[in-house]
């Protein structure tokens, strides 16, 4: 397997077949993962994009939503998709969101595998990861994968300097027309790559590459200003106000969220990505990993790193998931390359002779401070980057990650392994401790027995009054914990009132009629209506007590058999911890 992609190797039939299979899978998944869009869809963010696409298709001037990065070209593309969909919001969303979002993202992940000559199994892992785990929401975030696919420093592009220069100029210009935010971030990521991550390339070439990237961004801005002037007569002052500075001033007070690693919501497993994202984000920048991965993996890792601005501004599952594709790719590529190079020495060859003269206890003692330093670097990067409620947090996160990787690789030498081990332990502790805290939160927040406890507390005394001392009662439908909480026994062999419970009518009816079931505790309506049962209860029992518990939105009715004689009937309400007569 040639994971680095820097060897002259044929793509081969197996890789092409794998790529074709991914394309088919992406199309099928895109089609079957979207449902019919209704009126609710048209009132949400996706609906707003649909209506803007419609307006653009009918001739409206597409301006910029700078806060979210949407630019004129993106509205033109959406308008074309609107025309292809013949105005259908469902077909439009299939094209714009699913097919050109997650579907194309998976195809680009596999295409990156083709360019890097990855093993077919790694190609499949990349594609499935994008489809099922780190899924771009829509066409906007597929641009990130397209960016690294085009600019990967390997293969035919690098062997043609003029073509590579054209790509570095045209790609930022085209992306600027589509999404301003991504053009800024990805141009910056490529600049960081050229300056700090690229190996075996002269400094003059690196600086020239940076100039080409910046020139492409400026070219996109200038061409857009001229287009608005020529096509719509918009002055540069108006263009500047509506497209660039005016938008940034409008949103100058926008807040950056604090990422609380130990306070993720407990109600849904969808927040798995939120727990792993900070940990996975920094793995490629651990010095030992950084030293041993290819330039291509470094570019992917840096592109994923600068996109941290997006989820930090909006700490939620959709925004984190949608920018995690590059992070996932970087981690998978790093693991594949480390596996391929597993027989290589872990420390600099020149440091072996010294280490062999030192006893193992001495090595351990000297490694502990180094590991602590690595742990401090990783912890500080996470704490500062995700903890500052400011754009400075994201900037410092990128700076600390790049500095740790570059300086660590340059100066640590034989200490690289120890420092990296400490950093990996610190990074791994974040999702591990968050998982323990998450389980504790779920235990503390669990609602499983709160309703049962409330029924036992507030309806228990009423049961004692109504039952006349008997400990036999039927609980219906399914609060089985009440048998232990009260405590009582069930005089019937039936516990679960499922949809075909009527098959027991012949056996249960005599018990309901003769009073061998002295008390029935009804905790909620039956999930499946059983008219024969409810009619029999009303015919043979009287509601001795009705207890309405407002906090749990539960009403408990205690029925006593008519054969037990007259018993005072009460209707009570539990409100703010007190029980009062219902008015």
Protein backbone atom coordinates (compact mmCIF):
# COMPACT_ATOMS: atom_id res chain seq x y z
CA UNK A 1 0.00 0.00 0.00
CA UNK A 2 1.34 3.41 -0.93
CA UNK A 3 -0.41 5.64 1.53
CA UNK A 4 1.83 8.62 1.05
CA UNK A 5 0.87 8.88 -2.57
CA UNK A 6 4.33 10.14 -3.44
CA UNK A 7 5.47 7.11 -5.43
CA UNK A 8 4.98 6.59 -9.13
CA UNK A 9 2.39 3.83 -8.96
CA UNK A 10 -0.45 2.97 -11.27
CA UNK A 11 -3.96 3.43 -9.94
CA UNK A 12 -4.86 -0.12 -10.93
CA UNK A 13 -8.12 -1.86 -11.76
CA UNK A 14 -9.03 -2.66 -8.16
CA UNK A 15 -8.83 0.98 -7.07
CA UNK A 16 -10.86 2.12 -10.07
CA UNK A 17 -13.48 -0.56 -9.32
CA UNK A 18 -13.56 0.57 -5.69
CA UNK A 19 -14.04 4.17 -6.79
CA UNK A 20 -16.90 3.18 -9.11
CA UNK A 21 -18.55 1.26 -6.27
CA UNK A 22 -18.29 4.30 -4.01
CA UNK A 23 -19.95 6.45 -6.69
CA UNK A 24 -22.89 4.05 -6.94
CA UNK A 25 -23.17 3.80 -3.14
CA UNK A 26 -23.10 7.59 -2.80
CA UNK A 27 -25.92 7.98 -5.34
CA UNK A 28 -28.08 5.34 -3.65
CA UNK A 29 -27.42 6.73 -0.16
CA UNK A 30 -28.19 10.27 -1.33
CA UNK A 31 -31.51 9.20 -2.79
CA UNK A 32 -32.65 7.08 0.15
CA UNK A 33 -31.52 9.46 2.89
CA UNK A 34 -33.84 12.29 1.85
CA UNK A 35 -37.56 12.41 2.43
CA UNK A 36 -40.32 14.51 0.91
CA UNK A 37 -39.96 18.13 2.01
CA UNK A 38 -43.00 19.81 3.49
CA UNK A 39 -44.03 23.23 4.70
CA UNK A 40 -41.84 22.98 7.81
CA UNK A 41 -38.77 22.58 5.59
CA UNK A 42 -39.64 25.77 3.75
CA UNK A 43 -39.56 27.82 6.97
CA UNK A 44 -36.10 26.69 8.08
CA UNK A 45 -32.54 27.48 6.94
CA UNK A 46 -32.68 25.04 4.05
CA UNK A 47 -36.00 26.53 3.03
CA UNK A 48 -34.41 29.99 3.02
CA UNK A 49 -31.74 28.74 0.63
CA UNK A 50 -34.43 27.19 -1.55
CA UNK A 51 -36.34 30.48 -1.80
CA UNK A 52 -33.13 32.43 -2.50
CA UNK A 53 -32.37 29.95 -5.28
CA UNK A 54 -35.85 30.53 -6.66
CA UNK A 55 -35.46 34.31 -6.50
CA UNK A 56 -32.07 34.14 -8.21
CA UNK A 57 -33.49 31.88 -10.92
CA UNK A 58 -36.13 34.57 -11.55
CA UNK A 59 -33.53 37.33 -11.94
CA UNK A 60 -32.87 38.70 -8.45
CA UNK A 61 -29.39 40.06 -7.71
CA UNK A 62 -27.51 37.52 -5.57
CA UNK A 63 -25.69 39.30 -2.75
CA UNK A 64 -23.61 37.92 0.10
CA UNK A 65 -24.54 36.52 3.48
CA UNK A 66 -21.09 37.20 4.90
CA UNK A 67 -21.84 35.70 8.32
CA UNK A 68 -22.46 32.30 6.75
CA UNK A 69 -20.15 32.79 3.78
CA UNK A 70 -22.73 32.48 0.98
CA UNK A 71 -21.67 34.40 -2.11
CA UNK A 72 -23.07 35.23 -5.54
CA UNK A 73 -21.83 32.11 -7.29
CA UNK A 74 -23.45 29.82 -4.74
CA UNK A 75 -26.85 31.35 -5.48
CA UNK A 76 -26.32 30.91 -9.21
CA UNK A 77 -25.47 27.24 -8.69
CA UNK A 78 -28.55 26.84 -6.49
CA UNK A 79 -30.65 28.57 -9.15
CA UNK A 80 -29.43 26.08 -11.77
CA UNK A 81 -30.33 23.21 -9.44
CA UNK A 82 -33.74 24.82 -8.89
CA UNK A 83 -34.28 24.78 -12.67
CA UNK A 84 -33.14 21.14 -12.93
CA UNK A 85 -35.56 20.26 -10.14
CA UNK A 86 -38.39 22.14 -11.93
CA UNK A 87 -39.01 24.02 -8.70
CA UNK A 88 -39.61 20.91 -6.56
CA UNK A 89 -38.15 21.54 -3.08
CA UNK A 90 -37.62 17.81 -2.57
CA UNK A 91 -35.64 17.31 -5.77
CA UNK A 92 -33.77 20.58 -5.21
CA UNK A 93 -32.78 19.49 -1.70
CA UNK A 94 -31.75 16.06 -3.00
CA UNK A 95 -29.41 17.72 -5.51
CA UNK A 96 -28.18 20.59 -3.34
CA UNK A 97 -28.06 18.88 0.04
CA UNK A 98 -27.64 15.15 -0.34
CA UNK A 99 -26.16 14.41 -3.77
CA UNK A 100 -23.78 17.39 -3.92
CA UNK A 101 -23.27 17.34 -0.16
CA UNK A 102 -22.61 14.00 1.47
CA UNK A 103 -22.78 12.06 -1.80
CA UNK A 104 -20.18 14.13 -3.64
CA UNK A 105 -18.17 14.32 -0.41
CA UNK A 106 -17.86 10.53 -0.32
CA UNK A 107 -16.89 10.47 -4.00
CA UNK A 108 -14.21 13.14 -3.39
CA UNK A 109 -12.89 11.17 -0.41
CA UNK A 110 -12.50 8.13 -2.65
CA UNK A 111 -10.96 10.33 -5.37
CA UNK A 112 -8.39 11.53 -2.86
CA UNK A 113 -7.65 7.86 -2.28
CA UNK A 114 -7.08 7.43 -6.02
CA UNK A 115 -4.66 10.36 -6.15
CA UNK A 116 -2.73 9.06 -3.14
CA UNK A 117 -2.82 5.44 -4.37
CA UNK A 118 -4.42 4.29 -1.10
CA UNK A 119 -5.31 0.69 -0.40
CA UNK A 120 -8.93 0.03 -1.52
CA UNK A 121 -9.91 -0.75 2.09
CA UNK A 122 -8.70 2.72 3.16
CA UNK A 123 -10.60 4.31 0.26
CA UNK A 124 -13.79 2.59 1.43
CA UNK A 125 -13.16 3.68 5.02
CA UNK A 126 -12.78 7.30 3.91
CA UNK A 127 -15.95 7.21 1.81
CA UNK A 128 -18.09 5.47 4.45
CA UNK A 129 -16.79 7.84 7.12
CA UNK A 130 -17.96 10.82 5.08
CA UNK A 131 -21.33 9.23 4.30
CA UNK A 132 -22.19 7.93 7.75
CA UNK A 133 -20.14 9.77 10.36
CA UNK A 134 -18.69 13.13 9.26
CA UNK A 135 -21.40 14.08 6.78
CA UNK A 136 -21.32 17.45 4.97
CA UNK A 137 -24.74 19.08 5.33
CA UNK A 138 -24.88 20.35 1.77
CA UNK A 139 -22.92 21.55 -1.22
CA UNK A 140 -21.14 24.33 0.70
CA UNK A 141 -18.97 22.02 2.78
CA UNK A 142 -18.11 19.73 -0.11
CA UNK A 143 -15.91 22.62 -1.26
CA UNK A 144 -13.50 21.73 1.57
CA UNK A 145 -12.94 18.25 0.17
CA UNK A 146 -12.66 19.59 -3.36
CA UNK A 147 -10.01 22.07 -2.21
CA UNK A 148 -7.65 19.45 -0.79
CA UNK A 149 -8.31 17.08 -3.71
CA UNK A 150 -7.13 19.70 -6.20
CA UNK A 151 -4.16 21.02 -4.18
CA UNK A 152 -2.74 17.73 -2.89
CA UNK A 153 1.04 18.11 -3.30
CA UNK A 154 1.46 14.91 -5.26
CA UNK A 155 1.12 13.32 -8.65
CA UNK A 156 0.48 14.93 -12.00
CA UNK A 157 -0.28 18.42 -10.67
CA UNK A 158 3.08 18.82 -8.93
CA UNK A 159 4.93 17.57 -11.98
CA UNK A 160 3.47 20.45 -14.02
CA UNK A 161 4.51 23.72 -12.30
CA UNK A 162 2.43 25.99 -14.56
CA UNK A 163 -0.70 23.92 -14.04
CA UNK A 164 -0.09 23.86 -10.28
CA UNK A 165 0.35 27.65 -10.26
CA UNK A 166 -2.91 28.08 -12.19
CA UNK A 167 -4.72 25.85 -9.69
CA UNK A 168 -3.42 27.90 -6.74
CA UNK A 169 -4.67 31.10 -8.36
CA UNK A 170 -8.00 29.96 -9.81
CA UNK A 171 -9.22 27.78 -6.94
CA UNK A 172 -9.30 30.58 -4.29
CA UNK A 173 -10.91 32.90 -6.85
CA UNK A 174 -13.65 30.37 -7.67
CA UNK A 175 -14.26 29.47 -4.03
CA UNK A 176 -14.50 33.18 -3.15
CA UNK A 177 -17.36 33.48 -5.63
CA UNK A 178 -19.05 30.54 -3.93
CA UNK A 179 -18.35 30.97 -0.21
CA UNK A 180 -16.34 33.84 1.24
CA UNK A 181 -15.81 32.20 4.62
CA UNK A 182 -14.37 29.01 3.13
CA UNK A 183 -12.19 30.97 0.72
CA UNK A 184 -10.64 32.86 3.65
CA UNK A 185 -10.14 29.79 5.83
CA UNK A 186 -8.91 27.38 3.17
CA UNK A 187 -6.55 29.93 1.61
CA UNK A 188 -5.11 30.46 5.07
CA UNK A 189 -4.75 26.70 5.57
CA UNK A 190 -2.87 26.30 2.30
CA UNK A 191 -0.65 29.24 3.23
CA UNK A 192 0.19 27.60 6.56
CA UNK A 193 0.96 24.39 4.72
CA UNK A 194 3.35 26.10 2.32
CA UNK A 195 5.16 27.99 5.09
CA UNK A 196 5.33 25.43 7.90
CA UNK A 197 4.45 21.96 6.68
CA UNK A 198 5.88 21.34 3.26
CA UNK A 199 9.13 19.40 3.01
CA UNK A 200 11.85 19.29 0.37
CA UNK A 201 10.64 22.45 -1.34
CA UNK A 202 12.82 25.60 -1.46
CA UNK A 203 11.64 28.59 0.55
CA UNK A 204 11.45 30.70 -2.58
CA UNK A 205 8.94 28.27 -4.08
CA UNK A 206 6.88 28.18 -0.89
CA UNK A 207 6.63 31.95 -0.71
CA UNK A 208 5.73 32.13 -4.39
CA UNK A 209 2.97 29.57 -3.79
CA UNK A 210 1.60 31.72 -0.96
CA UNK A 211 1.60 34.76 -3.22
CA UNK A 212 -0.33 32.81 -5.84
CA UNK A 213 -2.94 31.74 -3.27
CA UNK A 214 -3.39 35.30 -1.98
CA UNK A 215 -3.51 36.61 -5.53
CA UNK A 216 -6.28 34.16 -6.38
CA UNK A 217 -8.34 35.38 -3.43
CA UNK A 218 -7.86 39.03 -4.44
CA UNK A 219 -8.69 38.12 -8.03
CA UNK A 220 -12.01 36.67 -6.95
CA UNK A 221 -12.85 39.83 -4.99
CA UNK A 222 -11.91 42.20 -7.81
CA UNK A 223 -13.76 40.23 -10.48
CA UNK A 224 -16.89 40.14 -8.33
CA UNK A 225 -16.78 43.89 -7.72
CA UNK A 226 -16.38 44.50 -11.44
CA UNK A 227 -19.21 42.09 -12.29
CA UNK A 228 -21.62 43.86 -9.95
CA UNK A 229 -20.57 47.17 -11.47
CA UNK A 230 -20.99 46.06 -15.08
CA UNK A 231 -24.02 43.77 -14.78
CA UNK A 232 -26.08 45.63 -12.17
CA UNK A 233 -24.51 49.10 -11.94
CA UNK A 234 -23.66 48.64 -8.27
CA UNK A 235 -21.05 51.16 -7.14
CA UNK A 236 -17.99 49.92 -5.30
CA UNK A 237 -19.14 51.70 -2.14
CA UNK A 238 -22.47 49.85 -2.23
CA UNK A 239 -20.70 46.61 -3.09
CA UNK A 240 -18.34 47.10 -0.18
CA UNK A 241 -21.21 47.86 2.19
CA UNK A 242 -23.41 44.98 1.09
CA UNK A 243 -20.76 42.36 0.42
CA UNK A 244 -17.70 42.94 2.60
CA UNK A 245 -17.29 45.55 5.35
CA UNK A 246 -20.97 46.30 5.82
CA UNK A 247 -21.68 42.68 6.56
CA UNK A 248 -18.80 42.31 9.00
CA UNK A 249 -19.88 45.47 10.83
CA UNK A 250 -23.42 44.18 11.07
CA UNK A 251 -22.21 41.05 12.80
CA UNK A 252 -19.40 42.60 14.82
CA UNK A 253 -21.05 41.57 18.08
CA UNK A 254 -21.55 37.92 17.14
CA UNK A 255 -20.68 35.57 19.96
CA UNK A 256 -18.32 32.62 19.99
CA UNK A 257 -19.48 29.77 22.16
CA UNK A 258 -17.53 28.08 24.93
CA UNK A 259 -17.10 24.39 24.17
CA UNK A 260 -17.86 22.59 27.44
CA UNK A 261 -16.29 19.15 27.02
CA UNK A 262 -18.11 17.83 30.08
CA UNK A 263 -21.58 19.19 29.51
CA UNK A 264 -22.74 17.63 26.25
CA UNK A 265 -26.50 17.04 25.98
CA UNK A 266 -27.60 13.64 27.30
CA UNK A 267 -30.76 13.08 25.29
CA UNK A 268 -29.25 11.88 22.03
CA UNK A 269 -26.36 9.79 20.76
CA UNK A 270 -26.04 12.21 17.84
CA UNK A 271 -23.57 14.20 19.96
CA UNK A 272 -20.92 11.50 19.57
CA UNK A 273 -19.12 13.72 17.06
CA UNK A 274 -19.03 16.61 19.55
CA UNK A 275 -17.18 14.41 22.05
CA UNK A 276 -14.57 13.12 19.59
CA UNK A 277 -14.01 16.21 17.44
CA UNK A 278 -11.52 18.11 19.68
CA UNK A 279 -9.55 14.90 20.32
CA UNK A 280 -9.37 13.88 16.66
CA UNK A 281 -8.62 17.44 15.51
CA UNK A 282 -5.18 17.51 17.15
CA UNK A 283 -4.01 13.92 16.57
CA UNK A 284 -2.13 14.75 13.32
CA UNK A 285 -0.34 17.61 15.12
CA UNK A 286 1.19 15.44 17.83
CA UNK A 287 4.94 15.78 17.01
CA UNK A 288 5.61 12.09 16.44
CA UNK A 289 2.60 11.77 14.12
CA UNK A 290 3.41 15.02 12.34
CA UNK A 291 6.96 13.88 11.60
CA UNK A 292 5.88 10.58 10.08
CA UNK A 293 2.94 11.55 7.86
CA UNK A 294 3.15 12.72 4.28
CA UNK A 295 2.79 16.27 3.02
CA UNK A 296 -0.63 15.36 1.62
CA UNK A 297 -1.89 14.32 5.06
CA UNK A 298 -0.46 17.51 6.54
CA UNK A 299 -2.45 19.61 4.05
CA UNK A 300 -5.67 17.74 4.86
CA UNK A 301 -5.02 18.12 8.61
CA UNK A 302 -4.37 21.86 8.32
CA UNK A 303 -7.49 22.40 6.22
CA UNK A 304 -9.54 20.57 8.86
CA UNK A 305 -7.85 22.55 11.63
CA UNK A 306 -8.70 26.04 10.37
CA UNK A 307 -12.34 25.04 9.89
CA UNK A 308 -12.59 24.83 13.68
CA UNK A 309 -13.98 28.37 13.48
CA UNK A 310 -17.29 26.96 12.22
CA UNK A 311 -18.20 24.62 15.12
CA UNK A 312 -16.75 26.94 17.77
CA UNK A 313 -19.15 29.64 16.62
CA UNK A 314 -22.05 27.16 16.61
CA UNK A 315 -21.48 24.31 19.05
CA UNK A 316 -23.97 21.78 17.76
CA UNK A 317 -24.04 18.46 15.99
CA UNK A 318 -24.79 19.66 12.42
CA UNK A 319 -22.03 22.28 12.27
CA UNK A 320 -19.46 20.01 13.90
CA UNK A 321 -20.34 17.00 11.79
CA UNK A 322 -20.28 18.92 8.55
CA UNK A 323 -16.68 20.19 9.00
CA UNK A 324 -15.38 16.91 10.47
CA UNK A 325 -14.88 15.24 7.10
CA UNK A 326 -11.35 16.61 6.67
CA UNK A 327 -10.53 15.77 10.29
CA UNK A 328 -11.71 12.21 9.68
CA UNK A 329 -9.67 11.98 6.49
CA UNK A 330 -6.54 13.28 8.22
CA UNK A 331 -6.84 10.77 11.06
CA UNK A 332 -7.50 7.82 8.73
CA UNK A 333 -4.61 8.83 6.47
CA UNK A 334 -2.29 9.25 9.46
CA UNK A 335 -3.22 5.84 10.87
CA UNK A 336 -2.73 4.21 7.46
CA UNK A 337 0.67 5.82 6.99
CA UNK A 338 1.82 4.97 10.51
CA UNK A 339 0.75 1.39 9.94
CA UNK A 340 2.68 1.23 6.67
CA UNK A 341 5.77 2.67 8.31
CA UNK A 342 5.45 0.67 11.53
CA UNK A 343 8.87 -0.94 11.03
CA UNK A 344 10.65 2.44 10.96
CA UNK A 345 12.52 3.60 14.08
CA UNK A 346 10.52 5.78 16.46
CA UNK A 347 13.46 7.97 17.48
CA UNK A 348 16.29 9.63 15.66
CA UNK A 349 19.05 7.14 14.84
CA UNK A 350 21.68 9.37 16.43
CA UNK A 351 19.97 9.18 19.82
CA UNK A 352 20.15 5.37 20.17
CA UNK A 353 23.69 5.09 21.34
CA UNK A 354 23.06 7.37 24.27
CA UNK A 355 19.81 5.73 25.28
CA UNK A 356 21.37 2.27 25.31
CA UNK A 357 23.84 3.40 27.99
CA UNK A 358 21.07 4.57 30.33
CA UNK A 359 19.15 2.16 32.54
CA UNK A 360 15.44 1.69 32.01
CA UNK A 361 14.44 3.33 35.36
CA UNK A 362 16.55 6.35 34.41
CA UNK A 363 14.88 6.47 30.99
CA UNK A 364 11.47 6.35 32.65
CA UNK A 365 12.29 9.14 35.08
CA UNK A 366 13.64 11.35 32.31
CA UNK A 367 10.63 10.60 30.09
CA UNK A 368 8.02 11.60 32.66
CA UNK A 369 8.75 15.37 32.55
CA UNK A 370 8.77 15.22 28.76
CA UNK A 371 5.43 13.41 28.72
CA UNK A 372 4.07 16.00 31.15
CA UNK A 373 5.20 18.75 28.79
CA UNK A 374 3.36 17.09 25.91
CA UNK A 375 0.24 16.71 28.03
CA UNK A 376 0.38 20.37 29.04
CA UNK A 377 0.68 21.42 25.38
CA UNK A 378 -2.33 19.35 24.34
CA UNK A 379 -4.45 20.41 27.33
CA UNK A 380 -3.56 24.09 26.91
CA UNK A 381 -4.36 24.00 23.20
CA UNK A 382 -7.80 22.51 23.86
CA UNK A 383 -8.56 24.72 26.86
CA UNK A 384 -7.54 27.97 25.17
CA UNK A 385 -8.89 27.17 21.73
CA UNK A 386 -12.28 25.88 22.82
CA UNK A 387 -12.57 27.91 26.04
CA UNK A 388 -12.16 31.52 24.93
CA UNK A 389 -15.43 33.16 23.99
CA UNK A 390 -13.77 35.03 21.18
CA UNK A 391 -12.43 34.57 17.67
CA UNK A 392 -9.02 34.71 19.35
CA UNK A 393 -9.70 31.22 20.70
CA UNK A 394 -9.79 29.67 17.24
CA UNK A 395 -6.73 31.67 16.13
CA UNK A 396 -4.73 30.58 19.18
CA UNK A 397 -5.84 26.98 18.73
CA UNK A 398 -4.46 26.93 15.19
CA UNK A 399 -1.28 28.70 16.27
CA UNK A 400 -0.61 26.36 19.20
CA UNK A 401 -1.34 23.24 17.17
CA UNK A 402 0.95 24.26 14.31
CA UNK A 403 3.68 25.49 16.68
CA UNK A 404 3.61 22.26 18.65
CA UNK A 405 3.85 20.14 15.52
CA UNK A 406 6.53 22.19 13.76
CA UNK A 407 8.73 23.08 16.74
CA UNK A 408 8.33 19.63 18.24
CA UNK A 409 9.47 18.00 15.04
CA UNK A 410 12.41 20.39 14.73
CA UNK A 411 13.81 20.39 18.27
CA UNK A 412 12.63 17.36 20.23
CA UNK A 413 14.66 14.72 18.41
CA UNK A 414 14.99 11.76 20.81
CA UNK A 415 12.34 13.22 23.14
CA UNK A 416 9.67 13.15 20.46
CA UNK A 417 8.20 9.82 21.56
CA UNK A 418 7.85 10.81 25.23
CA UNK A 419 6.34 14.23 24.49
CA UNK A 420 3.97 12.72 21.95
CA UNK A 421 2.89 9.98 24.36
CA UNK A 422 1.97 12.60 26.95
CA UNK A 423 0.06 14.62 24.38
CA UNK A 424 -1.88 11.57 23.17
CA UNK A 425 -2.77 10.59 26.74
CA UNK A 426 -4.07 14.12 27.41
CA UNK A 427 -6.05 14.13 24.17
CA UNK A 428 -7.47 10.68 24.87
CA UNK A 429 -8.51 11.68 28.38
CA UNK A 430 -10.88 14.32 27.00
CA UNK A 431 -13.39 11.98 25.31
CA UNK A 432 -12.80 9.28 27.96
CA UNK A 433 -13.55 11.56 30.92
CA UNK A 434 -16.35 13.20 28.96
CA UNK A 435 -17.89 9.75 28.41
CA UNK A 436 -17.80 9.00 32.16
CA UNK A 437 -19.31 12.39 32.92
CA UNK A 438 -21.89 11.84 30.18
CA UNK A 439 -22.98 8.55 31.76
CA UNK A 440 -23.18 10.22 35.17
CA UNK A 441 -25.31 13.02 33.71
CA UNK A 442 -27.65 10.48 32.16
CA UNK A 443 -27.86 8.60 35.46
CA UNK A 444 -28.66 11.80 37.32
CA UNK A 445 -31.04 13.11 34.67
CA UNK A 446 -32.80 9.81 34.01
CA UNK A 447 -36.58 10.07 34.16
CA UNK A 448 -37.18 6.30 34.31
CA UNK A 449 -38.39 6.04 37.91
CA UNK A 450 -39.43 9.61 38.65
CA UNK A 451 -43.01 9.01 37.55
CA UNK A 452 -43.23 5.75 39.52
CA UNK A 453 -41.82 7.44 42.62
CA UNK A 454 -44.28 10.32 42.26
CA UNK A 455 -47.23 7.92 41.89
CA UNK A 456 -46.12 5.93 44.94
CA UNK A 457 -45.69 9.13 46.98
CA UNK A 458 -48.92 10.91 46.11
CA UNK A 459 -51.28 8.10 45.15
CA UNK A 460 -49.97 5.59 47.72
CA UNK A 461 -51.99 7.03 50.65
CA UNK A 462 -55.10 7.06 48.49
CA UNK A 463 -54.50 3.40 47.64
CA UNK A 464 -54.29 2.58 51.35
CA UNK A 465 -57.59 4.39 51.96
CA UNK A 466 -59.37 2.77 49.01
CA UNK A 467 -58.01 -0.76 49.38
CA UNK A 468 -59.20 -1.38 52.90
CA UNK A 469 -55.96 -3.17 53.75
CA UNK A 470 -55.76 -5.59 50.83
CA UNK A 471 -52.36 -5.90 49.13
CA UNK A 472 -53.78 -7.24 45.87
CA UNK A 473 -54.26 -4.88 42.97
CA UNK A 474 -53.89 -4.82 39.19
CA UNK A 475 -51.69 -2.03 37.77
CA UNK A 476 -52.51 -1.01 34.23
CA UNK A 477 -51.13 -0.55 31.77
CA UNK A 478 -47.36 -0.95 32.33
CA UNK A 479 -45.94 0.75 35.44
CA UNK A 480 -44.68 -2.58 36.79
CA UNK A 481 -42.36 -0.87 39.28
CA UNK A 482 -45.46 0.10 41.30
CA UNK A 483 -45.81 -3.50 42.46
CA UNK A 484 -42.54 -3.04 44.34
CA UNK A 485 -43.05 0.61 45.26
CA UNK A 486 -46.44 0.26 47.03
CA UNK A 487 -45.93 -2.88 47.65
CA UNK A 488 -48.74 -4.98 46.18
CA UNK A 489 -49.23 -8.26 44.33
CA UNK A 490 -51.03 -8.95 41.08
CA UNK A 491 -54.01 -11.31 41.47
CA UNK A 492 -53.89 -12.13 37.73
CA UNK A 493 -51.19 -13.69 35.55
CA UNK A 494 -51.32 -10.68 33.20
CA UNK A 495 -48.96 -7.70 33.28
CA UNK A 496 -48.56 -6.29 29.76
CA UNK A 497 -51.65 -4.93 28.00
CA UNK A 498 -50.43 -5.44 24.46
CA UNK A 499 -52.40 -4.98 21.24
CA UNK A 500 -53.83 -8.52 21.24
CA UNK A 501 -54.75 -8.56 24.92
CA UNK A 502 -58.36 -9.35 23.97
CA UNK A 503 -57.38 -13.02 23.67
CA UNK A 504 -57.53 -13.16 27.49
CA UNK A 505 -61.06 -11.72 27.70
CA UNK A 506 -62.69 -15.05 28.53
CA UNK A 507 -60.34 -15.63 31.47
CA UNK A 508 -60.19 -12.06 32.81
CA UNK A 509 -63.87 -11.11 32.59
CA UNK A 510 -65.00 -13.43 35.40
CA UNK A 511 -62.31 -11.95 37.69
CA UNK A 512 -63.48 -8.43 36.89
CA UNK A 513 -67.07 -9.35 37.61
CA UNK A 514 -66.70 -11.39 40.83
CA UNK A 515 -64.32 -9.04 42.61
CA UNK A 516 -61.29 -11.34 42.75
CA UNK A 517 -59.42 -8.28 41.50
CA UNK A 518 -60.32 -5.97 44.39
CA UNK A 519 -58.45 -2.82 43.20
CA UNK A 520 -57.26 -1.54 39.82
CA UNK A 521 -54.66 1.23 39.61
CA UNK A 522 -54.94 2.92 36.22
CA UNK A 523 -51.83 5.01 35.51
CA UNK A 524 -52.54 6.05 31.91
CA UNK A 525 -54.80 5.16 29.01
CA UNK A 526 -54.06 1.89 27.26
CA UNK A 527 -51.65 2.19 24.35
CA UNK A 528 -53.97 0.05 22.26
CA UNK A 529 -57.70 0.61 22.94
CA UNK A 530 -59.40 -2.38 24.58
CA UNK A 531 -63.11 -1.39 24.73
CA UNK A 532 -64.16 -4.69 26.31
CA UNK A 533 -61.74 -4.08 29.21
CA UNK A 534 -62.53 -0.45 29.85
CA UNK A 535 -66.28 -1.13 29.62
CA UNK A 536 -65.96 -3.99 32.13
CA UNK A 537 -64.06 -1.76 34.56
CA UNK A 538 -66.67 1.00 34.40
CA UNK A 539 -69.46 -1.54 34.85
CA UNK A 540 -67.95 -3.31 37.87
CA UNK A 541 -65.76 -0.69 39.60
CA UNK A 542 -66.07 2.80 40.99
CA UNK A 543 -63.35 5.49 40.85
CA UNK A 544 -62.46 5.72 44.54
CA UNK A 545 -59.70 8.28 43.94
CA UNK A 546 -58.33 10.36 41.07
CA UNK A 547 -54.87 11.87 41.68
CA UNK A 548 -53.59 14.36 39.11
CA UNK A 549 -49.81 14.93 39.39
CA UNK A 550 -49.09 18.09 37.40
CA UNK A 551 -45.28 17.95 37.37
CA UNK A 552 -45.27 14.51 35.70
CA UNK A 553 -48.43 15.23 33.68
CA UNK A 554 -49.89 11.99 35.05
CA UNK A 555 -53.38 11.12 36.24
CA UNK A 556 -53.84 8.03 38.43
CA UNK A 557 -57.29 6.52 38.95
CA UNK A 558 -57.79 3.99 41.73
CA UNK A 559 -60.80 1.77 40.98
CA UNK A 560 -62.40 -0.37 43.70
CA UNK A 561 -64.83 -3.21 43.06
CA UNK A 562 -68.48 -2.43 43.74
CA UNK A 563 -68.71 -5.45 46.05
CA UNK A 564 -66.55 -3.60 48.58
CA UNK A 565 -69.41 -1.21 49.35
CA UNK A 566 -69.54 2.55 49.39
CA UNK A 567 -66.20 4.35 49.73
CA UNK A 568 -65.75 8.11 49.72
CA UNK A 569 -64.61 9.29 46.32
CA UNK A 570 -61.97 12.02 45.98
CA UNK A 571 -60.45 14.01 43.14
CA UNK A 572 -57.06 15.48 44.08
CA UNK A 573 -54.39 17.54 42.33
CA UNK A 574 -50.70 17.65 43.21
CA UNK A 575 -49.40 21.14 42.46
CA UNK A 576 -46.01 22.57 43.48
CA UNK A 577 -45.43 19.83 46.03
CA UNK A 578 -48.82 20.09 47.70
CA UNK A 579 -51.95 18.00 47.29
CA UNK A 580 -55.26 19.84 47.10
CA UNK A 581 -58.82 19.02 46.09
CA UNK A 582 -59.40 19.47 42.36
CA UNK A 583 -61.83 22.26 41.69
